[in-house]
Amino acid sequence: AFTHFGEIFTIEMLVVILTFLFVDFFDTAGTLVAVATQAG
């Protein structure tokens, strides 16, 4: 990931990174709320 970091600065990789970020954002938020609600 370090040695190829310079290859991410393209529109295609921008879409990829946004997707990684977006899905992780709401996957995490949903999980945290679900678990926290169940545990009180």
Full PDB file with SEQRES, HELIX, SHEET, SSBOND, CRYST1, ORIGX, SCALE, CONECT and MASTER records, all heavy atoms in Angstrom:
SEQRES   1 A   40  ALA PHE THR HIS PHE GLY GLU ILE PHE THR ILE GLU MET          
SEQRES   2 A   40  LEU VAL VAL ILE LEU THR PHE LEU PHE VAL ASP PHE PHE          
SEQRES   3 A   40  ASP THR ALA GLY THR LEU VAL ALA VAL ALA THR GLN ALA          
SEQRES   4 A   40  GLY                                                          
HELIX    1 AA1 PHE A    5  ILE A    8  5                                   4    
HELIX    2 AA2 ILE A   11  ALA A   39  1                                  29    
CRYST1    1.000    1.000    1.000  90.00  90.00  90.00 P 1           1          
ORIGX1      1.000000  0.000000  0.000000        0.00000                         
ORIGX2      0.000000  1.000000  0.000000        0.00000                         
ORIGX3      0.000000  0.000000  1.000000        0.00000                         
SCALE1      1.000000  0.000000  0.000000        0.00000                         
SCALE2      0.000000  1.000000  0.000000        0.00000                         
SCALE3      0.000000  0.000000  1.000000        0.00000                         
ATOM      1  N   ALA A   1       0.828  -1.208   0.000  1.00  0.00           N  
ATOM      2  CA  ALA A   1       0.000   0.000   0.000  1.00  0.00           C  
ATOM      3  C   ALA A   1       0.863   1.259   0.000  1.00  0.00           C  
ATOM      4  O   ALA A   1       0.490   2.283  -0.594  1.00  0.00           O  
ATOM      5  CB  ALA A   1      -0.927   0.001   1.216  1.00  0.00           C  
ATOM      6  N   PHE A   2       2.028   1.199   0.648  1.00  0.00           N  
ATOM      7  CA  PHE A   2       2.934   2.347   0.683  1.00  0.00           C  
ATOM      8  C   PHE A   2       3.657   2.527  -0.653  1.00  0.00           C  
ATOM      9  O   PHE A   2       3.747   3.628  -1.191  1.00  0.00           O  
ATOM     10  CB  PHE A   2       3.956   2.192   1.809  1.00  0.00           C  
ATOM     11  CG  PHE A   2       3.376   2.364   3.183  1.00  0.00           C  
ATOM     12  CD1 PHE A   2       3.503   1.357   4.131  1.00  0.00           C  
ATOM     13  CD2 PHE A   2       2.696   3.519   3.544  1.00  0.00           C  
ATOM     14  CE1 PHE A   2       2.971   1.499   5.404  1.00  0.00           C  
ATOM     15  CE2 PHE A   2       2.157   3.675   4.808  1.00  0.00           C  
ATOM     16  CZ  PHE A   2       2.296   2.661   5.745  1.00  0.00           C  
ATOM     17  N   THR A   3       4.187   1.421  -1.182  1.00  0.00           N  
ATOM     18  CA  THR A   3       4.996   1.497  -2.393  1.00  0.00           C  
ATOM     19  C   THR A   3       4.167   1.889  -3.621  1.00  0.00           C  
ATOM     20  O   THR A   3       4.713   2.388  -4.610  1.00  0.00           O  
ATOM     21  CB  THR A   3       5.703   0.156  -2.666  1.00  0.00           C  
ATOM     22  OG1 THR A   3       4.721  -0.880  -2.758  1.00  0.00           O  
ATOM     23  CG2 THR A   3       6.669  -0.178  -1.529  1.00  0.00           C  
ATOM     24  N   HIS A   4       2.854   1.682  -3.566  1.00  0.00           N  
ATOM     25  CA  HIS A   4       1.996   2.022  -4.705  1.00  0.00           C  
ATOM     26  C   HIS A   4       1.077   3.200  -4.394  1.00  0.00           C  
ATOM     27  O   HIS A   4       0.118   3.454  -5.133  1.00  0.00           O  
ATOM     28  CB  HIS A   4       1.154   0.801  -5.106  1.00  0.00           C  
ATOM     29  CG  HIS A   4       1.948  -0.298  -5.725  1.00  0.00           C  
ATOM     30  ND1 HIS A   4       2.753  -1.136  -4.988  1.00  0.00           N  
ATOM     31  CD2 HIS A   4       2.078  -0.691  -7.017  1.00  0.00           C  
ATOM     32  CE1 HIS A   4       3.338  -2.004  -5.783  1.00  0.00           C  
ATOM     33  NE2 HIS A   4       2.951  -1.757  -7.012  1.00  0.00           N  
ATOM     34  N   PHE A   5       1.381   3.926  -3.336  1.00  0.00           N  
ATOM     35  CA  PHE A   5       0.512   5.034  -2.915  1.00  0.00           C  
ATOM     36  C   PHE A   5       0.447   6.131  -3.973  1.00  0.00           C  
ATOM     37  O   PHE A   5      -0.571   6.807  -4.127  1.00  0.00           O  
ATOM     38  CB  PHE A   5       1.003   5.619  -1.585  1.00  0.00           C  
ATOM     39  CG  PHE A   5      -0.048   6.413  -0.863  1.00  0.00           C  
ATOM     40  CD1 PHE A   5      -1.047   5.779  -0.135  1.00  0.00           C  
ATOM     41  CD2 PHE A   5      -0.064   7.804  -0.909  1.00  0.00           C  
ATOM     42  CE1 PHE A   5      -2.029   6.503   0.529  1.00  0.00           C  
ATOM     43  CE2 PHE A   5      -1.040   8.536  -0.249  1.00  0.00           C  
ATOM     44  CZ  PHE A   5      -2.026   7.884   0.473  1.00  0.00           C  
ATOM     45  N   GLY A   6       1.525   6.304  -4.717  1.00  0.00           N  
ATOM     46  CA  GLY A   6       1.546   7.340  -5.740  1.00  0.00           C  
ATOM     47  C   GLY A   6       0.620   7.077  -6.911  1.00  0.00           C  
ATOM     48  O   GLY A   6       0.410   7.967  -7.755  1.00  0.00           O  
ATOM     49  N   GLU A   7       0.042   5.878  -6.973  1.00  0.00           N  
ATOM     50  CA  GLU A   7      -0.818   5.514  -8.102  1.00  0.00           C  
ATOM     51  C   GLU A   7      -2.292   5.814  -7.856  1.00  0.00           C  
ATOM     52  O   GLU A   7      -3.133   5.532  -8.725  1.00  0.00           O  
ATOM     53  CB  GLU A   7      -0.646   4.020  -8.406  1.00  0.00           C  
ATOM     54  CG  GLU A   7       0.782   3.632  -8.788  1.00  0.00           C  
ATOM     55  CD  GLU A   7       0.984   2.129  -8.862  1.00  0.00           C  
ATOM     56  OE1 GLU A   7      -0.027   1.394  -8.794  1.00  0.00           O  
ATOM     57  OE2 GLU A   7       2.138   1.693  -8.964  1.00  0.00           O  
ATOM     58  N   ILE A   8      -2.615   6.391  -6.706  1.00  0.00           N  
ATOM     59  CA  ILE A   8      -4.022   6.601  -6.371  1.00  0.00           C  
ATOM     60  C   ILE A   8      -4.573   7.936  -6.869  1.00  0.00           C  
ATOM     61  O   ILE A   8      -5.771   8.186  -6.773  1.00  0.00           O  
ATOM     62  CB  ILE A   8      -4.258   6.505  -4.846  1.00  0.00           C  
ATOM     63  CG1 ILE A   8      -3.600   7.690  -4.125  1.00  0.00           C  
ATOM     64  CG2 ILE A   8      -3.761   5.182  -4.303  1.00  0.00           C  
ATOM     65  CD1 ILE A   8      -3.952   7.777  -2.660  1.00  0.00           C  
ATOM     66  N   PHE A   9      -3.711   8.793  -7.414  1.00  0.00           N  
ATOM     67  CA  PHE A   9      -4.154  10.146  -7.760  1.00  0.00           C  
ATOM     68  C   PHE A   9      -4.717  10.212  -9.184  1.00  0.00           C  
ATOM     69  O   PHE A   9      -4.194  10.904 -10.054  1.00  0.00           O  
ATOM     70  CB  PHE A   9      -2.997  11.134  -7.568  1.00  0.00           C  
ATOM     71  CG  PHE A   9      -2.478  11.155  -6.159  1.00  0.00           C  
ATOM     72  CD1 PHE A   9      -1.304  10.482  -5.832  1.00  0.00           C  
ATOM     73  CD2 PHE A   9      -3.180  11.804  -5.158  1.00  0.00           C  
ATOM     74  CE1 PHE A   9      -0.831  10.489  -4.528  1.00  0.00           C  
ATOM     75  CE2 PHE A   9      -2.716  11.817  -3.855  1.00  0.00           C  
ATOM     76  CZ  PHE A   9      -1.545  11.144  -3.527  1.00  0.00           C  
ATOM     77  N   THR A  10      -5.805   9.473  -9.387  1.00  0.00           N  
ATOM     78  CA  THR A  10      -6.538   9.483 -10.649  1.00  0.00           C  
ATOM     79  C   THR A  10      -8.024   9.567 -10.332  1.00  0.00           C  
ATOM     80  O   THR A  10      -8.449   9.287  -9.200  1.00  0.00           O  
ATOM     81  CB  THR A  10      -6.270   8.199 -11.466  1.00  0.00           C  
ATOM     82  OG1 THR A  10      -6.793   7.069 -10.739  1.00  0.00           O  
ATOM     83  CG2 THR A  10      -4.775   8.001 -11.703  1.00  0.00           C  
ATOM     84  N   ILE A  11      -8.834   9.966 -11.326  1.00  0.00           N  
ATOM     85  CA  ILE A  11     -10.285  10.052 -11.099  1.00  0.00           C  
ATOM     86  C   ILE A  11     -10.852   8.676 -10.775  1.00  0.00           C  
ATOM     87  O   ILE A  11     -11.726   8.532  -9.914  1.00  0.00           O  
ATOM     88  CB  ILE A  11     -10.982  10.639 -12.340  1.00  0.00           C  
ATOM     89  CG1 ILE A  11     -10.562  12.098 -12.538  1.00  0.00           C  
ATOM     90  CG2 ILE A  11     -12.503  10.558 -12.188  1.00  0.00           C  
ATOM     91  CD1 ILE A  11     -11.195  12.768 -13.744  1.00  0.00           C  
ATOM     92  N   GLU A  12     -10.335   7.656 -11.469  1.00  0.00           N  
ATOM     93  CA  GLU A  12     -10.808   6.295 -11.231  1.00  0.00           C  
ATOM     94  C   GLU A  12     -10.564   5.875  -9.788  1.00  0.00           C  
ATOM     95  O   GLU A  12     -11.463   5.343  -9.124  1.00  0.00           O  
ATOM     96  CB  GLU A  12     -10.091   5.331 -12.179  1.00  0.00           C  
ATOM     97  CG  GLU A  12     -10.658   3.921 -12.152  1.00  0.00           C  
ATOM     98  CD  GLU A  12     -10.033   3.047 -13.214  1.00  0.00           C  
ATOM     99  OE1 GLU A  12      -8.796   3.084 -13.360  1.00  0.00           O  
ATOM    100  OE2 GLU A  12     -10.771   2.326 -13.902  1.00  0.00           O  
ATOM    101  N   MET A  13      -9.369   6.144  -9.274  1.00  0.00           N  
ATOM    102  CA  MET A  13      -9.053   5.781  -7.889  1.00  0.00           C  
ATOM    103  C   MET A  13      -9.789   6.680  -6.898  1.00  0.00           C  
ATOM    104  O   MET A  13     -10.081   6.262  -5.776  1.00  0.00           O  
ATOM    105  CB  MET A  13      -7.546   5.843  -7.657  1.00  0.00           C  
ATOM    106  CG  MET A  13      -6.784   4.635  -8.188  1.00  0.00           C  
ATOM    107  SD  MET A  13      -7.396   3.051  -7.527  1.00  0.00           S  
ATOM    108  CE  MET A  13      -7.075   3.276  -5.757  1.00  0.00           C  
ATOM    109  N   LEU A  14     -10.099   7.921  -7.316  1.00  0.00           N  
ATOM    110  CA  LEU A  14     -10.892   8.792  -6.449  1.00  0.00           C  
ATOM    111  C   LEU A  14     -12.265   8.176  -6.203  1.00  0.00           C  
ATOM    112  O   LEU A  14     -12.759   8.153  -5.072  1.00  0.00           O  
ATOM    113  CB  LEU A  14     -11.055  10.170  -7.093  1.00  0.00           C  
ATOM    114  CG  LEU A  14     -12.001  11.152  -6.362  1.00  0.00           C  
ATOM    115  CD1 LEU A  14     -11.502  11.428  -4.944  1.00  0.00           C  
ATOM    116  CD2 LEU A  14     -12.137  12.454  -7.143  1.00  0.00           C  
ATOM    117  N   VAL A  15     -12.874   7.639  -7.266  1.00  0.00           N  
ATOM    118  CA  VAL A  15     -14.171   6.966  -7.133  1.00  0.00           C  
ATOM    119  C   VAL A  15     -14.039   5.734  -6.239  1.00  0.00           C  
ATOM    120  O   VAL A  15     -14.889   5.465  -5.387  1.00  0.00           O  
ATOM    121  CB  VAL A  15     -14.713   6.565  -8.518  1.00  0.00           C  
ATOM    122  CG1 VAL A  15     -15.951   5.675  -8.374  1.00  0.00           C  
ATOM    123  CG2 VAL A  15     -15.037   7.802  -9.330  1.00  0.00           C  
ATOM    124  N   VAL A  16     -12.942   4.997  -6.414  1.00  0.00           N  
ATOM    125  CA  VAL A  16     -12.697   3.802  -5.600  1.00  0.00           C  
ATOM    126  C   VAL A  16     -12.574   4.178  -4.127  1.00  0.00           C  
ATOM    127  O   VAL A  16     -13.201   3.563  -3.253  1.00  0.00           O  
ATOM    128  CB  VAL A  16     -11.412   3.084  -6.076  1.00  0.00           C  
ATOM    129  CG1 VAL A  16     -10.989   2.022  -5.061  1.00  0.00           C  
ATOM    130  CG2 VAL A  16     -11.637   2.452  -7.442  1.00  0.00           C  
ATOM    131  N   ILE A  17     -11.775   5.200  -3.839  1.00  0.00           N  
ATOM    132  CA  ILE A  17     -11.564   5.621  -2.450  1.00  0.00           C  
ATOM    133  C   ILE A  17     -12.856   6.138  -1.836  1.00  0.00           C  
ATOM    134  O   ILE A  17     -13.185   5.835  -0.677  1.00  0.00           O  
ATOM    135  CB  ILE A  17     -10.458   6.698  -2.381  1.00  0.00           C  
ATOM    136  CG1 ILE A  17      -9.100   6.085  -2.762  1.00  0.00           C  
ATOM    137  CG2 ILE A  17     -10.377   7.305  -0.980  1.00  0.00           C  
ATOM    138  CD1 ILE A  17      -8.002   7.099  -2.966  1.00  0.00           C  
ATOM    139  N   LEU A  18     -13.624   6.916  -2.604  1.00  0.00           N  
ATOM    140  CA  LEU A  18     -14.909   7.420  -2.115  1.00  0.00           C  
ATOM    141  C   LEU A  18     -15.848   6.265  -1.778  1.00  0.00           C  
ATOM    142  O   LEU A  18     -16.584   6.319  -0.792  1.00  0.00           O  
ATOM    143  CB  LEU A  18     -15.551   8.340  -3.150  1.00  0.00           C  
ATOM    144  CG  LEU A  18     -15.001   9.757  -3.257  1.00  0.00           C  
ATOM    145  CD1 LEU A  18     -15.642  10.494  -4.425  1.00  0.00           C  
ATOM    146  CD2 LEU A  18     -15.230  10.529  -1.961  1.00  0.00           C  
ATOM    147  N   THR A  19     -15.819   5.227  -2.601  1.00  0.00           N  
ATOM    148  CA  THR A  19     -16.683   4.070  -2.348  1.00  0.00           C  
ATOM    149  C   THR A  19     -16.242   3.328  -1.093  1.00  0.00           C  
ATOM    150  O   THR A  19     -17.066   2.955  -0.251  1.00  0.00           O  
ATOM    151  CB  THR A  19     -16.679   3.118  -3.556  1.00  0.00           C  
ATOM    152  OG1 THR A  19     -17.083   3.841  -4.725  1.00  0.00           O  
ATOM    153  CG2 THR A  19     -17.634   1.954  -3.339  1.00  0.00           C  
ATOM    154  N   PHE A  20     -14.930   3.088  -0.965  1.00  0.00           N  
ATOM    155  CA  PHE A  20     -14.409   2.478   0.261  1.00  0.00           C  
ATOM    156  C   PHE A  20     -14.873   3.278   1.472  1.00  0.00           C  
ATOM    157  O   PHE A  20     -15.361   2.724   2.468  1.00  0.00           O  
ATOM    158  CB  PHE A  20     -12.874   2.466   0.243  1.00  0.00           C  
ATOM    159  CG  PHE A  20     -12.269   1.338  -0.540  1.00  0.00           C  
ATOM    160  CD1 PHE A  20     -11.189   1.563  -1.390  1.00  0.00           C  
ATOM    161  CD2 PHE A  20     -12.757   0.050  -0.431  1.00  0.00           C  
ATOM    162  CE1 PHE A  20     -10.615   0.522  -2.104  1.00  0.00           C  
ATOM    163  CE2 PHE A  20     -12.194  -1.003  -1.148  1.00  0.00           C  
ATOM    164  CZ  PHE A  20     -11.117  -0.762  -1.989  1.00  0.00           C  
ATOM    165  N   LEU A  21     -14.706   4.592   1.382  1.00  0.00           N  
ATOM    166  CA  LEU A  21     -15.018   5.478   2.499  1.00  0.00           C  
ATOM    167  C   LEU A  21     -16.512   5.471   2.801  1.00  0.00           C  
ATOM    168  O   LEU A  21     -16.924   5.355   3.959  1.00  0.00           O  
ATOM    169  CB  LEU A  21     -14.550   6.896   2.158  1.00  0.00           C  
ATOM    170  CG  LEU A  21     -14.530   7.927   3.288  1.00  0.00           C  
ATOM    171  CD1 LEU A  21     -13.541   7.514   4.363  1.00  0.00           C  
ATOM    172  CD2 LEU A  21     -14.152   9.298   2.733  1.00  0.00           C  
ATOM    173  N   PHE A  22     -17.312   5.571   1.739  1.00  0.00           N  
ATOM    174  CA  PHE A  22     -18.760   5.650   1.902  1.00  0.00           C  
ATOM    175  C   PHE A  22     -19.322   4.389   2.551  1.00  0.00           C  
ATOM    176  O   PHE A  22     -20.058   4.453   3.536  1.00  0.00           O  
ATOM    177  CB  PHE A  22     -19.412   5.874   0.535  1.00  0.00           C  
ATOM    178  CG  PHE A  22     -20.907   5.805   0.565  1.00  0.00           C  
ATOM    179  CD1 PHE A  22     -21.663   6.888   0.969  1.00  0.00           C  
ATOM    180  CD2 PHE A  22     -21.566   4.638   0.202  1.00  0.00           C  
ATOM    181  CE1 PHE A  22     -23.047   6.814   1.008  1.00  0.00           C  
ATOM    182  CE2 PHE A  22     -22.935   4.559   0.234  1.00  0.00           C  
ATOM    183  CZ  PHE A  22     -23.685   5.652   0.637  1.00  0.00           C  
ATOM    184  N   VAL A  23     -18.980   3.240   1.987  1.00  0.00           N  
ATOM    185  CA  VAL A  23     -19.521   1.981   2.501  1.00  0.00           C  
ATOM    186  C   VAL A  23     -19.063   1.741   3.935  1.00  0.00           C  
ATOM    187  O   VAL A  23     -19.857   1.341   4.799  1.00  0.00           O  
ATOM    188  CB  VAL A  23     -19.116   0.802   1.594  1.00  0.00           C  
ATOM    189  CG1 VAL A  23     -19.619  -0.519   2.174  1.00  0.00           C  
ATOM    190  CG2 VAL A  23     -19.674   0.992   0.195  1.00  0.00           C  
ATOM    191  N   ASP A  24     -17.785   1.981   4.227  1.00  0.00           N  
ATOM    192  CA  ASP A  24     -17.276   1.794   5.587  1.00  0.00           C  
ATOM    193  C   ASP A  24     -17.954   2.741   6.562  1.00  0.00           C  
ATOM    194  O   ASP A  24     -18.263   2.384   7.696  1.00  0.00           O  
ATOM    195  CB  ASP A  24     -15.759   2.005   5.603  1.00  0.00           C  
ATOM    196  CG  ASP A  24     -15.140   1.603   6.938  1.00  0.00           C  
ATOM    197  OD1 ASP A  24     -15.735   0.765   7.639  1.00  0.00           O  
ATOM    198  OD2 ASP A  24     -14.071   2.121   7.288  1.00  0.00           O  
ATOM    199  N   PHE A  25     -18.187   3.975   6.120  1.00  0.00           N  
ATOM    200  CA  PHE A  25     -18.867   4.980   6.946  1.00  0.00           C  
ATOM    201  C   PHE A  25     -20.153   4.430   7.534  1.00  0.00           C  
ATOM    202  O   PHE A  25     -20.359   4.437   8.748  1.00  0.00           O  
ATOM    203  CB  PHE A  25     -19.209   6.180   6.064  1.00  0.00           C  
ATOM    204  CG  PHE A  25     -18.467   7.438   6.437  1.00  0.00           C  
ATOM    205  CD1 PHE A  25     -17.216   7.393   7.013  1.00  0.00           C  
ATOM    206  CD2 PHE A  25     -19.031   8.678   6.176  1.00  0.00           C  
ATOM    207  CE1 PHE A  25     -16.538   8.543   7.337  1.00  0.00           C  
ATOM    208  CE2 PHE A  25     -18.359   9.830   6.493  1.00  0.00           C  
ATOM    209  CZ  PHE A  25     -17.111   9.774   7.080  1.00  0.00           C  
ATOM    210  N   PHE A  26     -21.023   3.963   6.639  1.00  0.00           N  
ATOM    211  CA  PHE A  26     -22.370   3.625   7.069  1.00  0.00           C  
ATOM    212  C   PHE A  26     -22.488   2.189   7.569  1.00  0.00           C  
ATOM    213  O   PHE A  26     -23.359   1.873   8.363  1.00  0.00           O  
ATOM    214  CB  PHE A  26     -23.340   3.914   5.935  1.00  0.00           C  
ATOM    215  CG  PHE A  26     -23.251   5.351   5.493  1.00  0.00           C  
ATOM    216  CD1 PHE A  26     -22.755   5.676   4.248  1.00  0.00           C  
ATOM    217  CD2 PHE A  26     -23.601   6.374   6.349  1.00  0.00           C  
ATOM    218  CE1 PHE A  26     -22.630   6.991   3.850  1.00  0.00           C  
ATOM    219  CE2 PHE A  26     -23.477   7.695   5.969  1.00  0.00           C  
ATOM    220  CZ  PHE A  26     -22.994   8.012   4.714  1.00  0.00           C  
ATOM    221  N   ASP A  27     -21.586   1.347   7.112  1.00  0.00           N  
ATOM    222  CA  ASP A  27     -21.526  -0.002   7.659  1.00  0.00           C  
ATOM    223  C   ASP A  27     -21.156   0.070   9.130  1.00  0.00           C  
ATOM    224  O   ASP A  27     -21.773  -0.566   9.989  1.00  0.00           O  
ATOM    225  CB  ASP A  27     -20.496  -0.827   6.878  1.00  0.00           C  
ATOM    226  CG  ASP A  27     -20.581  -2.310   7.209  1.00  0.00           C  
ATOM    227  OD1 ASP A  27     -21.634  -2.749   7.694  1.00  0.00           O  
ATOM    228  OD2 ASP A  27     -19.595  -3.022   6.980  1.00  0.00           O  
ATOM    229  N   THR A  28     -20.143   0.890   9.422  1.00  0.00           N  
ATOM    230  CA  THR A  28     -19.698   1.059  10.808  1.00  0.00           C  
ATOM    231  C   THR A  28     -20.759   1.727  11.669  1.00  0.00           C  
ATOM    232  O   THR A  28     -21.062   1.273  12.774  1.00  0.00           O  
ATOM    233  CB  THR A  28     -18.409   1.903  10.849  1.00  0.00           C  
ATOM    234  OG1 THR A  28     -17.384   1.237  10.119  1.00  0.00           O  
ATOM    235  CG2 THR A  28     -17.947   2.116  12.280  1.00  0.00           C  
ATOM    236  N   ALA A  29     -21.332   2.810  11.154  1.00  0.00           N  
ATOM    237  CA  ALA A  29     -22.341   3.541  11.921  1.00  0.00           C  
ATOM    238  C   ALA A  29     -23.530   2.646  12.249  1.00  0.00           C  
ATOM    239  O   ALA A  29     -24.020   2.627  13.391  1.00  0.00           O  
ATOM    240  CB  ALA A  29     -22.799   4.764  11.138  1.00  0.00           C  
ATOM    241  N   GLY A  30     -23.999   1.894  11.258  1.00  0.00           N  
ATOM    242  CA  GLY A  30     -25.134   1.004  11.487  1.00  0.00           C  
ATOM    243  C   GLY A  30     -24.834  -0.073  12.504  1.00  0.00           C  
ATOM    244  O   GLY A  30     -25.663  -0.388  13.366  1.00  0.00           O  
ATOM    245  N   THR A  31     -23.625  -0.638  12.413  1.00  0.00           N  
ATOM    246  CA  THR A  31     -23.236  -1.691  13.352  1.00  0.00           C  
ATOM    247  C   THR A  31     -23.129  -1.153  14.773  1.00  0.00           C  
ATOM    248  O   THR A  31     -23.612  -1.778  15.727  1.00  0.00           O  
ATOM    249  CB  THR A  31     -21.887  -2.312  12.935  1.00  0.00           C  
ATOM    250  OG1 THR A  31     -22.038  -2.917  11.652  1.00  0.00           O  
ATOM    251  CG2 THR A  31     -21.447  -3.362  13.942  1.00  0.00           C  
ATOM    252  N   LEU A  32     -22.497   0.005  14.927  1.00  0.00           N  
ATOM    253  CA  LEU A  32     -22.328   0.590  16.256  1.00  0.00           C  
ATOM    254  C   LEU A  32     -23.675   0.864  16.914  1.00  0.00           C  
ATOM    255  O   LEU A  32     -23.885   0.560  18.090  1.00  0.00           O  
ATOM    256  CB  LEU A  32     -21.517   1.885  16.172  1.00  0.00           C  
ATOM    257  CG  LEU A  32     -20.035   1.752  15.822  1.00  0.00           C  
ATOM    258  CD1 LEU A  32     -19.388   3.124  15.707  1.00  0.00           C  
ATOM    259  CD2 LEU A  32     -19.306   0.922  16.868  1.00  0.00           C  
ATOM    260  N   VAL A  33     -24.586   1.427  16.140  1.00  0.00           N  
ATOM    261  CA  VAL A  33     -25.915   1.732  16.685  1.00  0.00           C  
ATOM    262  C   VAL A  33     -26.657   0.448  17.053  1.00  0.00           C  
ATOM    263  O   VAL A  33     -27.264   0.355  18.123  1.00  0.00           O  
ATOM    264  CB  VAL A  33     -26.741   2.550  15.667  1.00  0.00           C  
ATOM    265  CG1 VAL A  33     -28.195   2.664  16.128  1.00  0.00           C  
ATOM    266  CG2 VAL A  33     -26.140   3.936  15.492  1.00  0.00           C  
ATOM    267  N   ALA A  34     -26.588  -0.568  16.190  1.00  0.00           N  
ATOM    268  CA  ALA A  34     -27.293  -1.825  16.440  1.00  0.00           C  
ATOM    269  C   ALA A  34     -26.780  -2.517  17.695  1.00  0.00           C  
ATOM    270  O   ALA A  34     -27.563  -2.954  18.556  1.00  0.00           O  
ATOM    271  CB  ALA A  34     -27.150  -2.747  15.236  1.00  0.00           C  
ATOM    272  N   VAL A  35     -25.453  -2.617  17.813  1.00  0.00           N  
ATOM    273  CA  VAL A  35     -24.865  -3.292  18.969  1.00  0.00           C  
ATOM    274  C   VAL A  35     -25.110  -2.493  20.247  1.00  0.00           C  
ATOM    275  O   VAL A  35     -25.463  -3.050  21.291  1.00  0.00           O  
ATOM    276  CB  VAL A  35     -23.347  -3.508  18.766  1.00  0.00           C  
ATOM    277  CG1 VAL A  35     -22.728  -4.143  20.006  1.00  0.00           C  
ATOM    278  CG2 VAL A  35     -23.098  -4.385  17.547  1.00  0.00           C  
ATOM    279  N   ALA A  36     -24.928  -1.171  20.157  1.00  0.00           N  
ATOM    280  CA  ALA A  36     -25.108  -0.320  21.334  1.00  0.00           C  
ATOM    281  C   ALA A  36     -26.553  -0.334  21.821  1.00  0.00           C  
ATOM    282  O   ALA A  36     -26.813  -0.333  23.031  1.00  0.00           O  
ATOM    283  CB  ALA A  36     -24.674   1.108  21.010  1.00  0.00           C  
ATOM    284  N   THR A  37     -27.487  -0.363  20.902  1.00  0.00           N  
ATOM    285  CA  THR A  37     -28.901  -0.408  21.273  1.00  0.00           C  
ATOM    286  C   THR A  37     -29.232  -1.714  21.978  1.00  0.00           C  
ATOM    287  O   THR A  37     -29.920  -1.733  23.005  1.00  0.00           O  
ATOM    288  CB  THR A  37     -29.791  -0.241  20.026  1.00  0.00           C  
ATOM    289  OG1 THR A  37     -29.513   1.016  19.404  1.00  0.00           O  
ATOM    290  CG2 THR A  37     -31.260  -0.308  20.407  1.00  0.00           C  
ATOM    291  N   GLN A  38     -28.723  -2.833  21.428  1.00  0.00           N  
ATOM    292  CA  GLN A  38     -28.986  -4.137  22.030  1.00  0.00           C  
ATOM    293  C   GLN A  38     -28.384  -4.221  23.433  1.00  0.00           C  
ATOM    294  O   GLN A  38     -28.985  -4.805  24.335  1.00  0.00           O  
ATOM    295  CB  GLN A  38     -28.406  -5.248  21.161  1.00  0.00           C  
ATOM    296  CG  GLN A  38     -28.673  -6.647  21.728  1.00  0.00           C  
ATOM    297  CD  GLN A  38     -28.045  -7.741  20.883  1.00  0.00           C  
ATOM    298  OE1 GLN A  38     -27.433  -7.459  19.866  1.00  0.00           O  
ATOM    299  NE2 GLN A  38     -28.176  -8.983  21.309  1.00  0.00           N  
ATOM    300  N   ALA A  39     -27.209  -3.612  23.618  1.00  0.00           N  
ATOM    301  CA  ALA A  39     -26.529  -3.697  24.908  1.00  0.00           C  
ATOM    302  C   ALA A  39     -27.019  -2.640  25.900  1.00  0.00           C  
ATOM    303  O   ALA A  39     -26.648  -2.677  27.080  1.00  0.00           O  
ATOM    304  CB  ALA A  39     -25.014  -3.545  24.702  1.00  0.00           C  
ATOM    305  N   GLY A  40     -27.820  -1.692  25.423  1.00  0.00           N  
ATOM    306  CA  GLY A  40     -28.341  -0.651  26.302  1.00  0.00           C  
ATOM    307  C   GLY A  40     -27.359   0.472  26.566  1.00  0.00           C  
ATOM    308  O   GLY A  40     -27.437   1.141  27.601  1.00  0.00           O  
TER     309      GLY A  40                                                      
MASTER        0    0    0    2    0    0    0    6  308    1    0    4          
END                                                                             
